[in-house]
């Protein structure tokens, strides 16, 4: 088993994200349920230009499936990062299920820094910034490990553990076998 210097798992657990998702569900579901009740149970046409019952039911099924998929995605999404002896490993399931590896030999330099997620990357998630800021994988906060690769690419991995990540990167880059 390979030695792991650093391991972190982050999820979208900010209250405001879940509030936005809840509002999205409420704003979508309440009118739709009202329409289903009005047209199917009361037998009154719903809306200015009502469609047939089957179309209303089909739309309801589509909206419920779409909302369920979005909620499932946010509930399951997590950024997993490991710093091992041979490099930096990360994945972002369920979007990126297999571990991606940035080998130690590919890294020209690194920095653990404060960054501006909204202005540099347009927010959180899997985001592409400018050529200078590169691609970001983050779920919250404004601290990240920015890797400058020898091929010119830049990758940022968000973290909530700045000091531990910096220490682990130093250990990995210098070839130390000490485990945290």
C-alpha atoms as a PDB file:
ATOM      1  CA  UNK A   1       0.000   0.000   0.000  1.00  0.00           C
ATOM      2  CA  UNK A   2       1.296   3.393  -0.938  1.00  0.00           C
ATOM      3  CA  UNK A   3       2.007   5.844   1.850  1.00  0.00           C
ATOM      4  CA  UNK A   4      -0.482   8.689   2.103  1.00  0.00           C
ATOM      5  CA  UNK A   5       0.751  11.991   3.541  1.00  0.00           C
ATOM      6  CA  UNK A   6      -2.584  13.805   3.297  1.00  0.00           C
ATOM      7  CA  UNK A   7      -6.222  12.827   2.823  1.00  0.00           C
ATOM      8  CA  UNK A   8      -9.245  15.113   2.661  1.00  0.00           C
ATOM      9  CA  UNK A   9     -12.862  14.747   1.640  1.00  0.00           C
ATOM     10  CA  UNK A  10     -15.062  17.800   1.159  1.00  0.00           C
ATOM     11  CA  UNK A  11     -18.763  18.036   0.382  1.00  0.00           C
ATOM     12  CA  UNK A  12     -21.171  20.772  -0.605  1.00  0.00           C
ATOM     13  CA  UNK A  13     -22.487  21.398   2.900  1.00  0.00           C
ATOM     14  CA  UNK A  14     -22.922  25.170   2.810  1.00  0.00           C
ATOM     15  CA  UNK A  15     -26.366  26.148   4.107  1.00  0.00           C
ATOM     16  CA  UNK A  16     -26.967  28.630   1.304  1.00  0.00           C
ATOM     17  CA  UNK A  17     -26.507  25.989  -1.422  1.00  0.00           C
ATOM     18  CA  UNK A  18     -29.111  23.756   0.220  1.00  0.00           C
ATOM     19  CA  UNK A  19     -31.419  26.775   0.666  1.00  0.00           C
ATOM     20  CA  UNK A  20     -31.164  27.550  -3.061  1.00  0.00           C
ATOM     21  CA  UNK A  21     -31.870  23.906  -3.910  1.00  0.00           C
ATOM     22  CA  UNK A  22     -34.843  23.839  -1.523  1.00  0.00           C
ATOM     23  CA  UNK A  23     -36.246  27.036  -3.051  1.00  0.00           C
ATOM     24  CA  UNK A  24     -35.778  25.554  -6.520  1.00  0.00           C
ATOM     25  CA  UNK A  25     -37.769  22.488  -5.498  1.00  0.00           C
ATOM     26  CA  UNK A  26     -40.530  24.503  -3.823  1.00  0.00           C
ATOM     27  CA  UNK A  27     -40.880  26.947  -6.727  1.00  0.00           C
ATOM     28  CA  UNK A  28     -41.059  24.046  -9.198  1.00  0.00           C
ATOM     29  CA  UNK A  29     -43.150  21.517  -7.295  1.00  0.00           C
ATOM     30  CA  UNK A  30     -45.912  23.593  -5.669  1.00  0.00           C
ATOM     31  CA  UNK A  31     -47.361  25.010  -8.928  1.00  0.00           C
ATOM     32  CA  UNK A  32     -47.005  21.641 -10.629  1.00  0.00           C
ATOM     33  CA  UNK A  33     -48.790  19.775  -7.827  1.00  0.00           C
ATOM     34  CA  UNK A  34     -51.487  22.472  -7.865  1.00  0.00           C
ATOM     35  CA  UNK A  35     -51.905  21.984 -11.613  1.00  0.00           C
ATOM     36  CA  UNK A  36     -52.097  18.200 -11.281  1.00  0.00           C
ATOM     37  CA  UNK A  37     -54.693  18.506  -8.524  1.00  0.00           C
ATOM     38  CA  UNK A  38     -56.744  21.117 -10.382  1.00  0.00           C
ATOM     39  CA  UNK A  39     -56.795  19.334 -13.736  1.00  0.00           C
ATOM     40  CA  UNK A  40     -56.770  15.655 -12.757  1.00  0.00           C
ATOM     41  CA  UNK A  41     -58.741  15.636  -9.474  1.00  0.00           C
ATOM     42  CA  UNK A  42     -61.070  18.634  -9.802  1.00  0.00           C
ATOM     43  CA  UNK A  43     -61.453  18.218 -13.553  1.00  0.00           C
ATOM     44  CA  UNK A  44     -60.884  21.933 -14.271  1.00  0.00           C
ATOM     45  CA  UNK A  45     -58.438  22.963 -17.000  1.00  0.00           C
ATOM     46  CA  UNK A  46     -55.251  24.380 -15.501  1.00  0.00           C
ATOM     47  CA  UNK A  47     -53.545  27.417 -17.028  1.00  0.00           C
ATOM     48  CA  UNK A  48     -54.328  29.823 -19.865  1.00  0.00           C
ATOM     49  CA  UNK A  49     -53.744  27.233 -22.580  1.00  0.00           C
ATOM     50  CA  UNK A  50     -54.237  23.831 -20.904  1.00  0.00           C
ATOM     51  CA  UNK A  51     -52.863  20.736 -22.526  1.00  0.00           C
ATOM     52  CA  UNK A  52     -54.191  17.206 -22.279  1.00  0.00           C
ATOM     53  CA  UNK A  53     -53.885  15.312 -18.983  1.00  0.00           C
ATOM     54  CA  UNK A  54     -51.171  12.982 -20.289  1.00  0.00           C
ATOM     55  CA  UNK A  55     -48.960  15.957 -21.198  1.00  0.00           C
ATOM     56  CA  UNK A  56     -49.348  17.452 -17.729  1.00  0.00           C
ATOM     57  CA  UNK A  57     -48.450  14.114 -16.123  1.00  0.00           C
ATOM     58  CA  UNK A  58     -45.485  13.682 -18.478  1.00  0.00           C
ATOM     59  CA  UNK A  59     -44.217  17.179 -17.587  1.00  0.00           C
ATOM     60  CA  UNK A  60     -44.638  16.417 -13.878  1.00  0.00           C
ATOM     61  CA  UNK A  61     -42.679  13.175 -14.177  1.00  0.00           C
ATOM     62  CA  UNK A  62     -39.909  14.976 -16.091  1.00  0.00           C
ATOM     63  CA  UNK A  63     -39.679  17.795 -13.498  1.00  0.00           C
ATOM     64  CA  UNK A  64     -39.650  15.347 -10.562  1.00  0.00           C
ATOM     65  CA  UNK A  65     -36.936  13.231 -12.192  1.00  0.00           C
ATOM     66  CA  UNK A  66     -34.841  16.302 -13.042  1.00  0.00           C
ATOM     67  CA  UNK A  67     -35.133  17.746  -9.526  1.00  0.00           C
ATOM     68  CA  UNK A  68     -34.370  14.346  -8.023  1.00  0.00           C
ATOM     69  CA  UNK A  69     -31.261  14.020 -10.190  1.00  0.00           C
ATOM     70  CA  UNK A  70     -30.003  17.483  -9.205  1.00  0.00           C
ATOM     71  CA  UNK A  71     -30.591  16.804  -5.492  1.00  0.00           C
ATOM     72  CA  UNK A  72     -28.936  13.381  -5.758  1.00  0.00           C
ATOM     73  CA  UNK A  73     -25.960  14.922  -7.546  1.00  0.00           C
ATOM     74  CA  UNK A  74     -25.405  17.576  -4.869  1.00  0.00           C
ATOM     75  CA  UNK A  75     -25.911  15.042  -2.088  1.00  0.00           C
ATOM     76  CA  UNK A  76     -23.377  12.593  -3.578  1.00  0.00           C
ATOM     77  CA  UNK A  77     -20.764  15.058  -4.899  1.00  0.00           C
ATOM     78  CA  UNK A  78     -17.533  15.281  -2.962  1.00  0.00           C
ATOM     79  CA  UNK A  79     -13.962  16.279  -3.648  1.00  0.00           C
ATOM     80  CA  UNK A  80     -11.478  13.678  -2.479  1.00  0.00           C
ATOM     81  CA  UNK A  81      -7.807  14.605  -2.414  1.00  0.00           C
ATOM     82  CA  UNK A  82      -4.787  12.559  -1.415  1.00  0.00           C
ATOM     83  CA  UNK A  83      -1.120  13.414  -1.424  1.00  0.00           C
ATOM     84  CA  UNK A  84       0.869  10.216  -1.752  1.00  0.00           C
ATOM     85  CA  UNK A  85       4.537   9.443  -2.152  1.00  0.00           C
ATOM     86  CA  UNK A  86       4.258   9.477  -5.955  1.00  0.00           C
ATOM     87  CA  UNK A  87       1.988  12.507  -6.470  1.00  0.00           C
ATOM     88  CA  UNK A  88      -1.360  14.191  -5.956  1.00  0.00           C
ATOM     89  CA  UNK A  89      -4.479  12.064  -6.426  1.00  0.00           C
ATOM     90  CA  UNK A  90      -8.002  13.429  -6.676  1.00  0.00           C
ATOM     91  CA  UNK A  91     -11.503  12.597  -7.798  1.00  0.00           C
ATOM     92  CA  UNK A  92     -14.892  14.306  -7.736  1.00  0.00           C
ATOM     93  CA  UNK A  93     -17.529  11.551  -7.649  1.00  0.00           C
ATOM     94  CA  UNK A  94     -20.025  11.038  -9.151  1.00  0.00           C
ATOM     95  CA  UNK A  95     -18.727  13.367 -11.906  1.00  0.00           C
ATOM     96  CA  UNK A  96     -15.141  12.036 -11.872  1.00  0.00           C
ATOM     97  CA  UNK A  97     -15.278   8.530 -10.430  1.00  0.00           C
ATOM     98  CA  UNK A  98     -11.756   7.305 -11.186  1.00  0.00           C
ATOM     99  CA  UNK A  99      -8.758   8.730  -9.374  1.00  0.00           C
ATOM    100  CA  UNK A 100      -6.795  11.231 -11.430  1.00  0.00           C
ATOM    101  CA  UNK A 101      -3.113  11.416 -10.697  1.00  0.00           C
ATOM    102  CA  UNK A 102      -0.648  14.246 -11.042  1.00  0.00           C
ATOM    103  CA  UNK A 103       2.727  12.609 -10.691  1.00  0.00           C
ATOM    104  CA  UNK A 104       5.415  14.286  -8.656  1.00  0.00           C
ATOM    105  CA  UNK A 105       7.592  14.473 -11.775  1.00  0.00           C
ATOM    106  CA  UNK A 106       4.910  16.490 -13.615  1.00  0.00           C
ATOM    107  CA  UNK A 107       4.838  19.266 -10.999  1.00  0.00           C
ATOM    108  CA  UNK A 108       7.073  22.242 -11.682  1.00  0.00           C
ATOM    109  CA  UNK A 109       6.008  24.119  -8.549  1.00  0.00           C
ATOM    110  CA  UNK A 110       3.094  24.400  -6.154  1.00  0.00           C
ATOM    111  CA  UNK A 111       1.575  26.911  -3.802  1.00  0.00           C
ATOM    112  CA  UNK A 112      -1.072  26.649  -1.103  1.00  0.00           C
ATOM    113  CA  UNK A 113      -2.858  29.973  -1.209  1.00  0.00           C
ATOM    114  CA  UNK A 114      -5.971  32.053  -0.776  1.00  0.00           C
ATOM    115  CA  UNK A 115      -7.747  32.589  -4.080  1.00  0.00           C
ATOM    116  CA  UNK A 116     -10.959  34.238  -5.268  1.00  0.00           C
ATOM    117  CA  UNK A 117     -13.302  31.419  -6.367  1.00  0.00           C
ATOM    118  CA  UNK A 118     -15.951  33.656  -7.932  1.00  0.00           C
ATOM    119  CA  UNK A 119     -13.752  36.138  -9.787  1.00  0.00           C
ATOM    120  CA  UNK A 120     -11.038  33.645 -10.789  1.00  0.00           C
ATOM    121  CA  UNK A 121     -13.205  30.601 -11.606  1.00  0.00           C
ATOM    122  CA  UNK A 122     -16.852  31.665 -11.551  1.00  0.00           C
ATOM    123  CA  UNK A 123     -17.648  29.807  -8.318  1.00  0.00           C
ATOM    124  CA  UNK A 124     -17.266  26.320  -6.929  1.00  0.00           C
ATOM    125  CA  UNK A 125     -17.369  22.905  -8.559  1.00  0.00           C
ATOM    126  CA  UNK A 126     -15.304  21.890 -11.560  1.00  0.00           C
ATOM    127  CA  UNK A 127     -14.443  25.216 -13.144  1.00  0.00           C
ATOM    128  CA  UNK A 128     -12.172  26.522 -15.835  1.00  0.00           C
ATOM    129  CA  UNK A 129     -10.503  29.846 -15.168  1.00  0.00           C
ATOM    130  CA  UNK A 130      -8.084  31.838 -17.262  1.00  0.00           C
ATOM    131  CA  UNK A 131      -4.888  30.299 -18.640  1.00  0.00           C
ATOM    132  CA  UNK A 132      -3.073  31.796 -15.675  1.00  0.00           C
ATOM    133  CA  UNK A 133      -5.443  30.376 -13.042  1.00  0.00           C
ATOM    134  CA  UNK A 134      -6.170  27.089 -14.864  1.00  0.00           C
ATOM    135  CA  UNK A 135      -8.790  24.544 -13.877  1.00  0.00           C
ATOM    136  CA  UNK A 136     -10.258  24.322 -10.376  1.00  0.00           C
ATOM    137  CA  UNK A 137     -11.815  21.493  -8.434  1.00  0.00           C
ATOM    138  CA  UNK A 138     -13.369  22.959  -5.296  1.00  0.00           C
ATOM    139  CA  UNK A 139     -16.476  22.741  -3.137  1.00  0.00           C
ATOM    140  CA  UNK A 140     -16.166  25.554  -0.609  1.00  0.00           C
ATOM    141  CA  UNK A 141     -13.909  28.185   0.848  1.00  0.00           C
ATOM    142  CA  UNK A 142     -11.098  30.132  -0.742  1.00  0.00           C
ATOM    143  CA  UNK A 143      -7.977  28.106   0.036  1.00  0.00           C
ATOM    144  CA  UNK A 144      -6.422  25.779  -2.473  1.00  0.00           C
ATOM    145  CA  UNK A 145      -3.398  23.899  -3.701  1.00  0.00           C
ATOM    146  CA  UNK A 146      -2.357  25.400  -7.031  1.00  0.00           C
ATOM    147  CA  UNK A 147      -0.169  23.055  -9.062  1.00  0.00           C
ATOM    148  CA  UNK A 148       1.898  24.519 -11.896  1.00  0.00           C
ATOM    149  CA  UNK A 149       2.735  21.629 -14.186  1.00  0.00           C
ATOM    150  CA  UNK A 150       5.731  21.316 -16.469  1.00  0.00           C
ATOM    151  CA  UNK A 151       3.426  21.133 -19.500  1.00  0.00           C
ATOM    152  CA  UNK A 152       2.124  24.655 -18.715  1.00  0.00           C
ATOM    153  CA  UNK A 153      -1.215  23.600 -17.224  1.00  0.00           C
ATOM    154  CA  UNK A 154      -2.410  24.883 -13.871  1.00  0.00           C
ATOM    155  CA  UNK A 155      -4.720  22.911 -11.565  1.00  0.00           C
ATOM    156  CA  UNK A 156      -6.228  24.118  -8.310  1.00  0.00           C
ATOM    157  CA  UNK A 157      -7.596  21.723  -5.689  1.00  0.00           C
ATOM    158  CA  UNK A 158      -9.618  23.320  -2.901  1.00  0.00           C
ATOM    159  CA  UNK A 159      -8.826  22.476   0.704  1.00  0.00           C
ATOM    160  CA  UNK A 160      -9.972  23.303   4.212  1.00  0.00           C
ATOM    161  CA  UNK A 161      -6.633  22.220   5.699  1.00  0.00           C
ATOM    162  CA  UNK A 162      -4.049  24.691   4.421  1.00  0.00           C
ATOM    163  CA  UNK A 163      -1.155  23.873   6.753  1.00  0.00           C
ATOM    164  CA  UNK A 164      -1.515  20.098   6.524  1.00  0.00           C
ATOM    165  CA  UNK A 165      -1.675  20.254   2.739  1.00  0.00           C
ATOM    166  CA  UNK A 166       1.393  22.502   2.483  1.00  0.00           C
ATOM    167  CA  UNK A 167       3.351  20.258   4.858  1.00  0.00           C
ATOM    168  CA  UNK A 168       2.334  17.129   2.944  1.00  0.00           C
ATOM    169  CA  UNK A 169       3.250  18.648  -0.414  1.00  0.00           C
ATOM    170  CA  UNK A 170       6.704  19.528   0.918  1.00  0.00           C
ATOM    171  CA  UNK A 171       7.151  15.966   2.176  1.00  0.00           C
ATOM    172  CA  UNK A 172       6.008  14.487  -1.131  1.00  0.00           C
ATOM    173  CA  UNK A 173       8.132  16.795  -3.279  1.00  0.00           C
ATOM    174  CA  UNK A 174      11.278  16.247  -1.182  1.00  0.00           C
ATOM    175  CA  UNK A 175      10.779  12.472  -1.143  1.00  0.00           C
ATOM    176  CA  UNK A 176      10.275  12.023   2.600  1.00  0.00           C
ATOM    177  CA  UNK A 177       8.594   8.774   3.677  1.00  0.00           C
ATOM    178  CA  UNK A 178       7.224  10.201   6.931  1.00  0.00           C
ATOM    179  CA  UNK A 179       3.456   9.746   7.308  1.00  0.00           C
ATOM    180  CA  UNK A 180       1.246  12.342   8.952  1.00  0.00           C
END
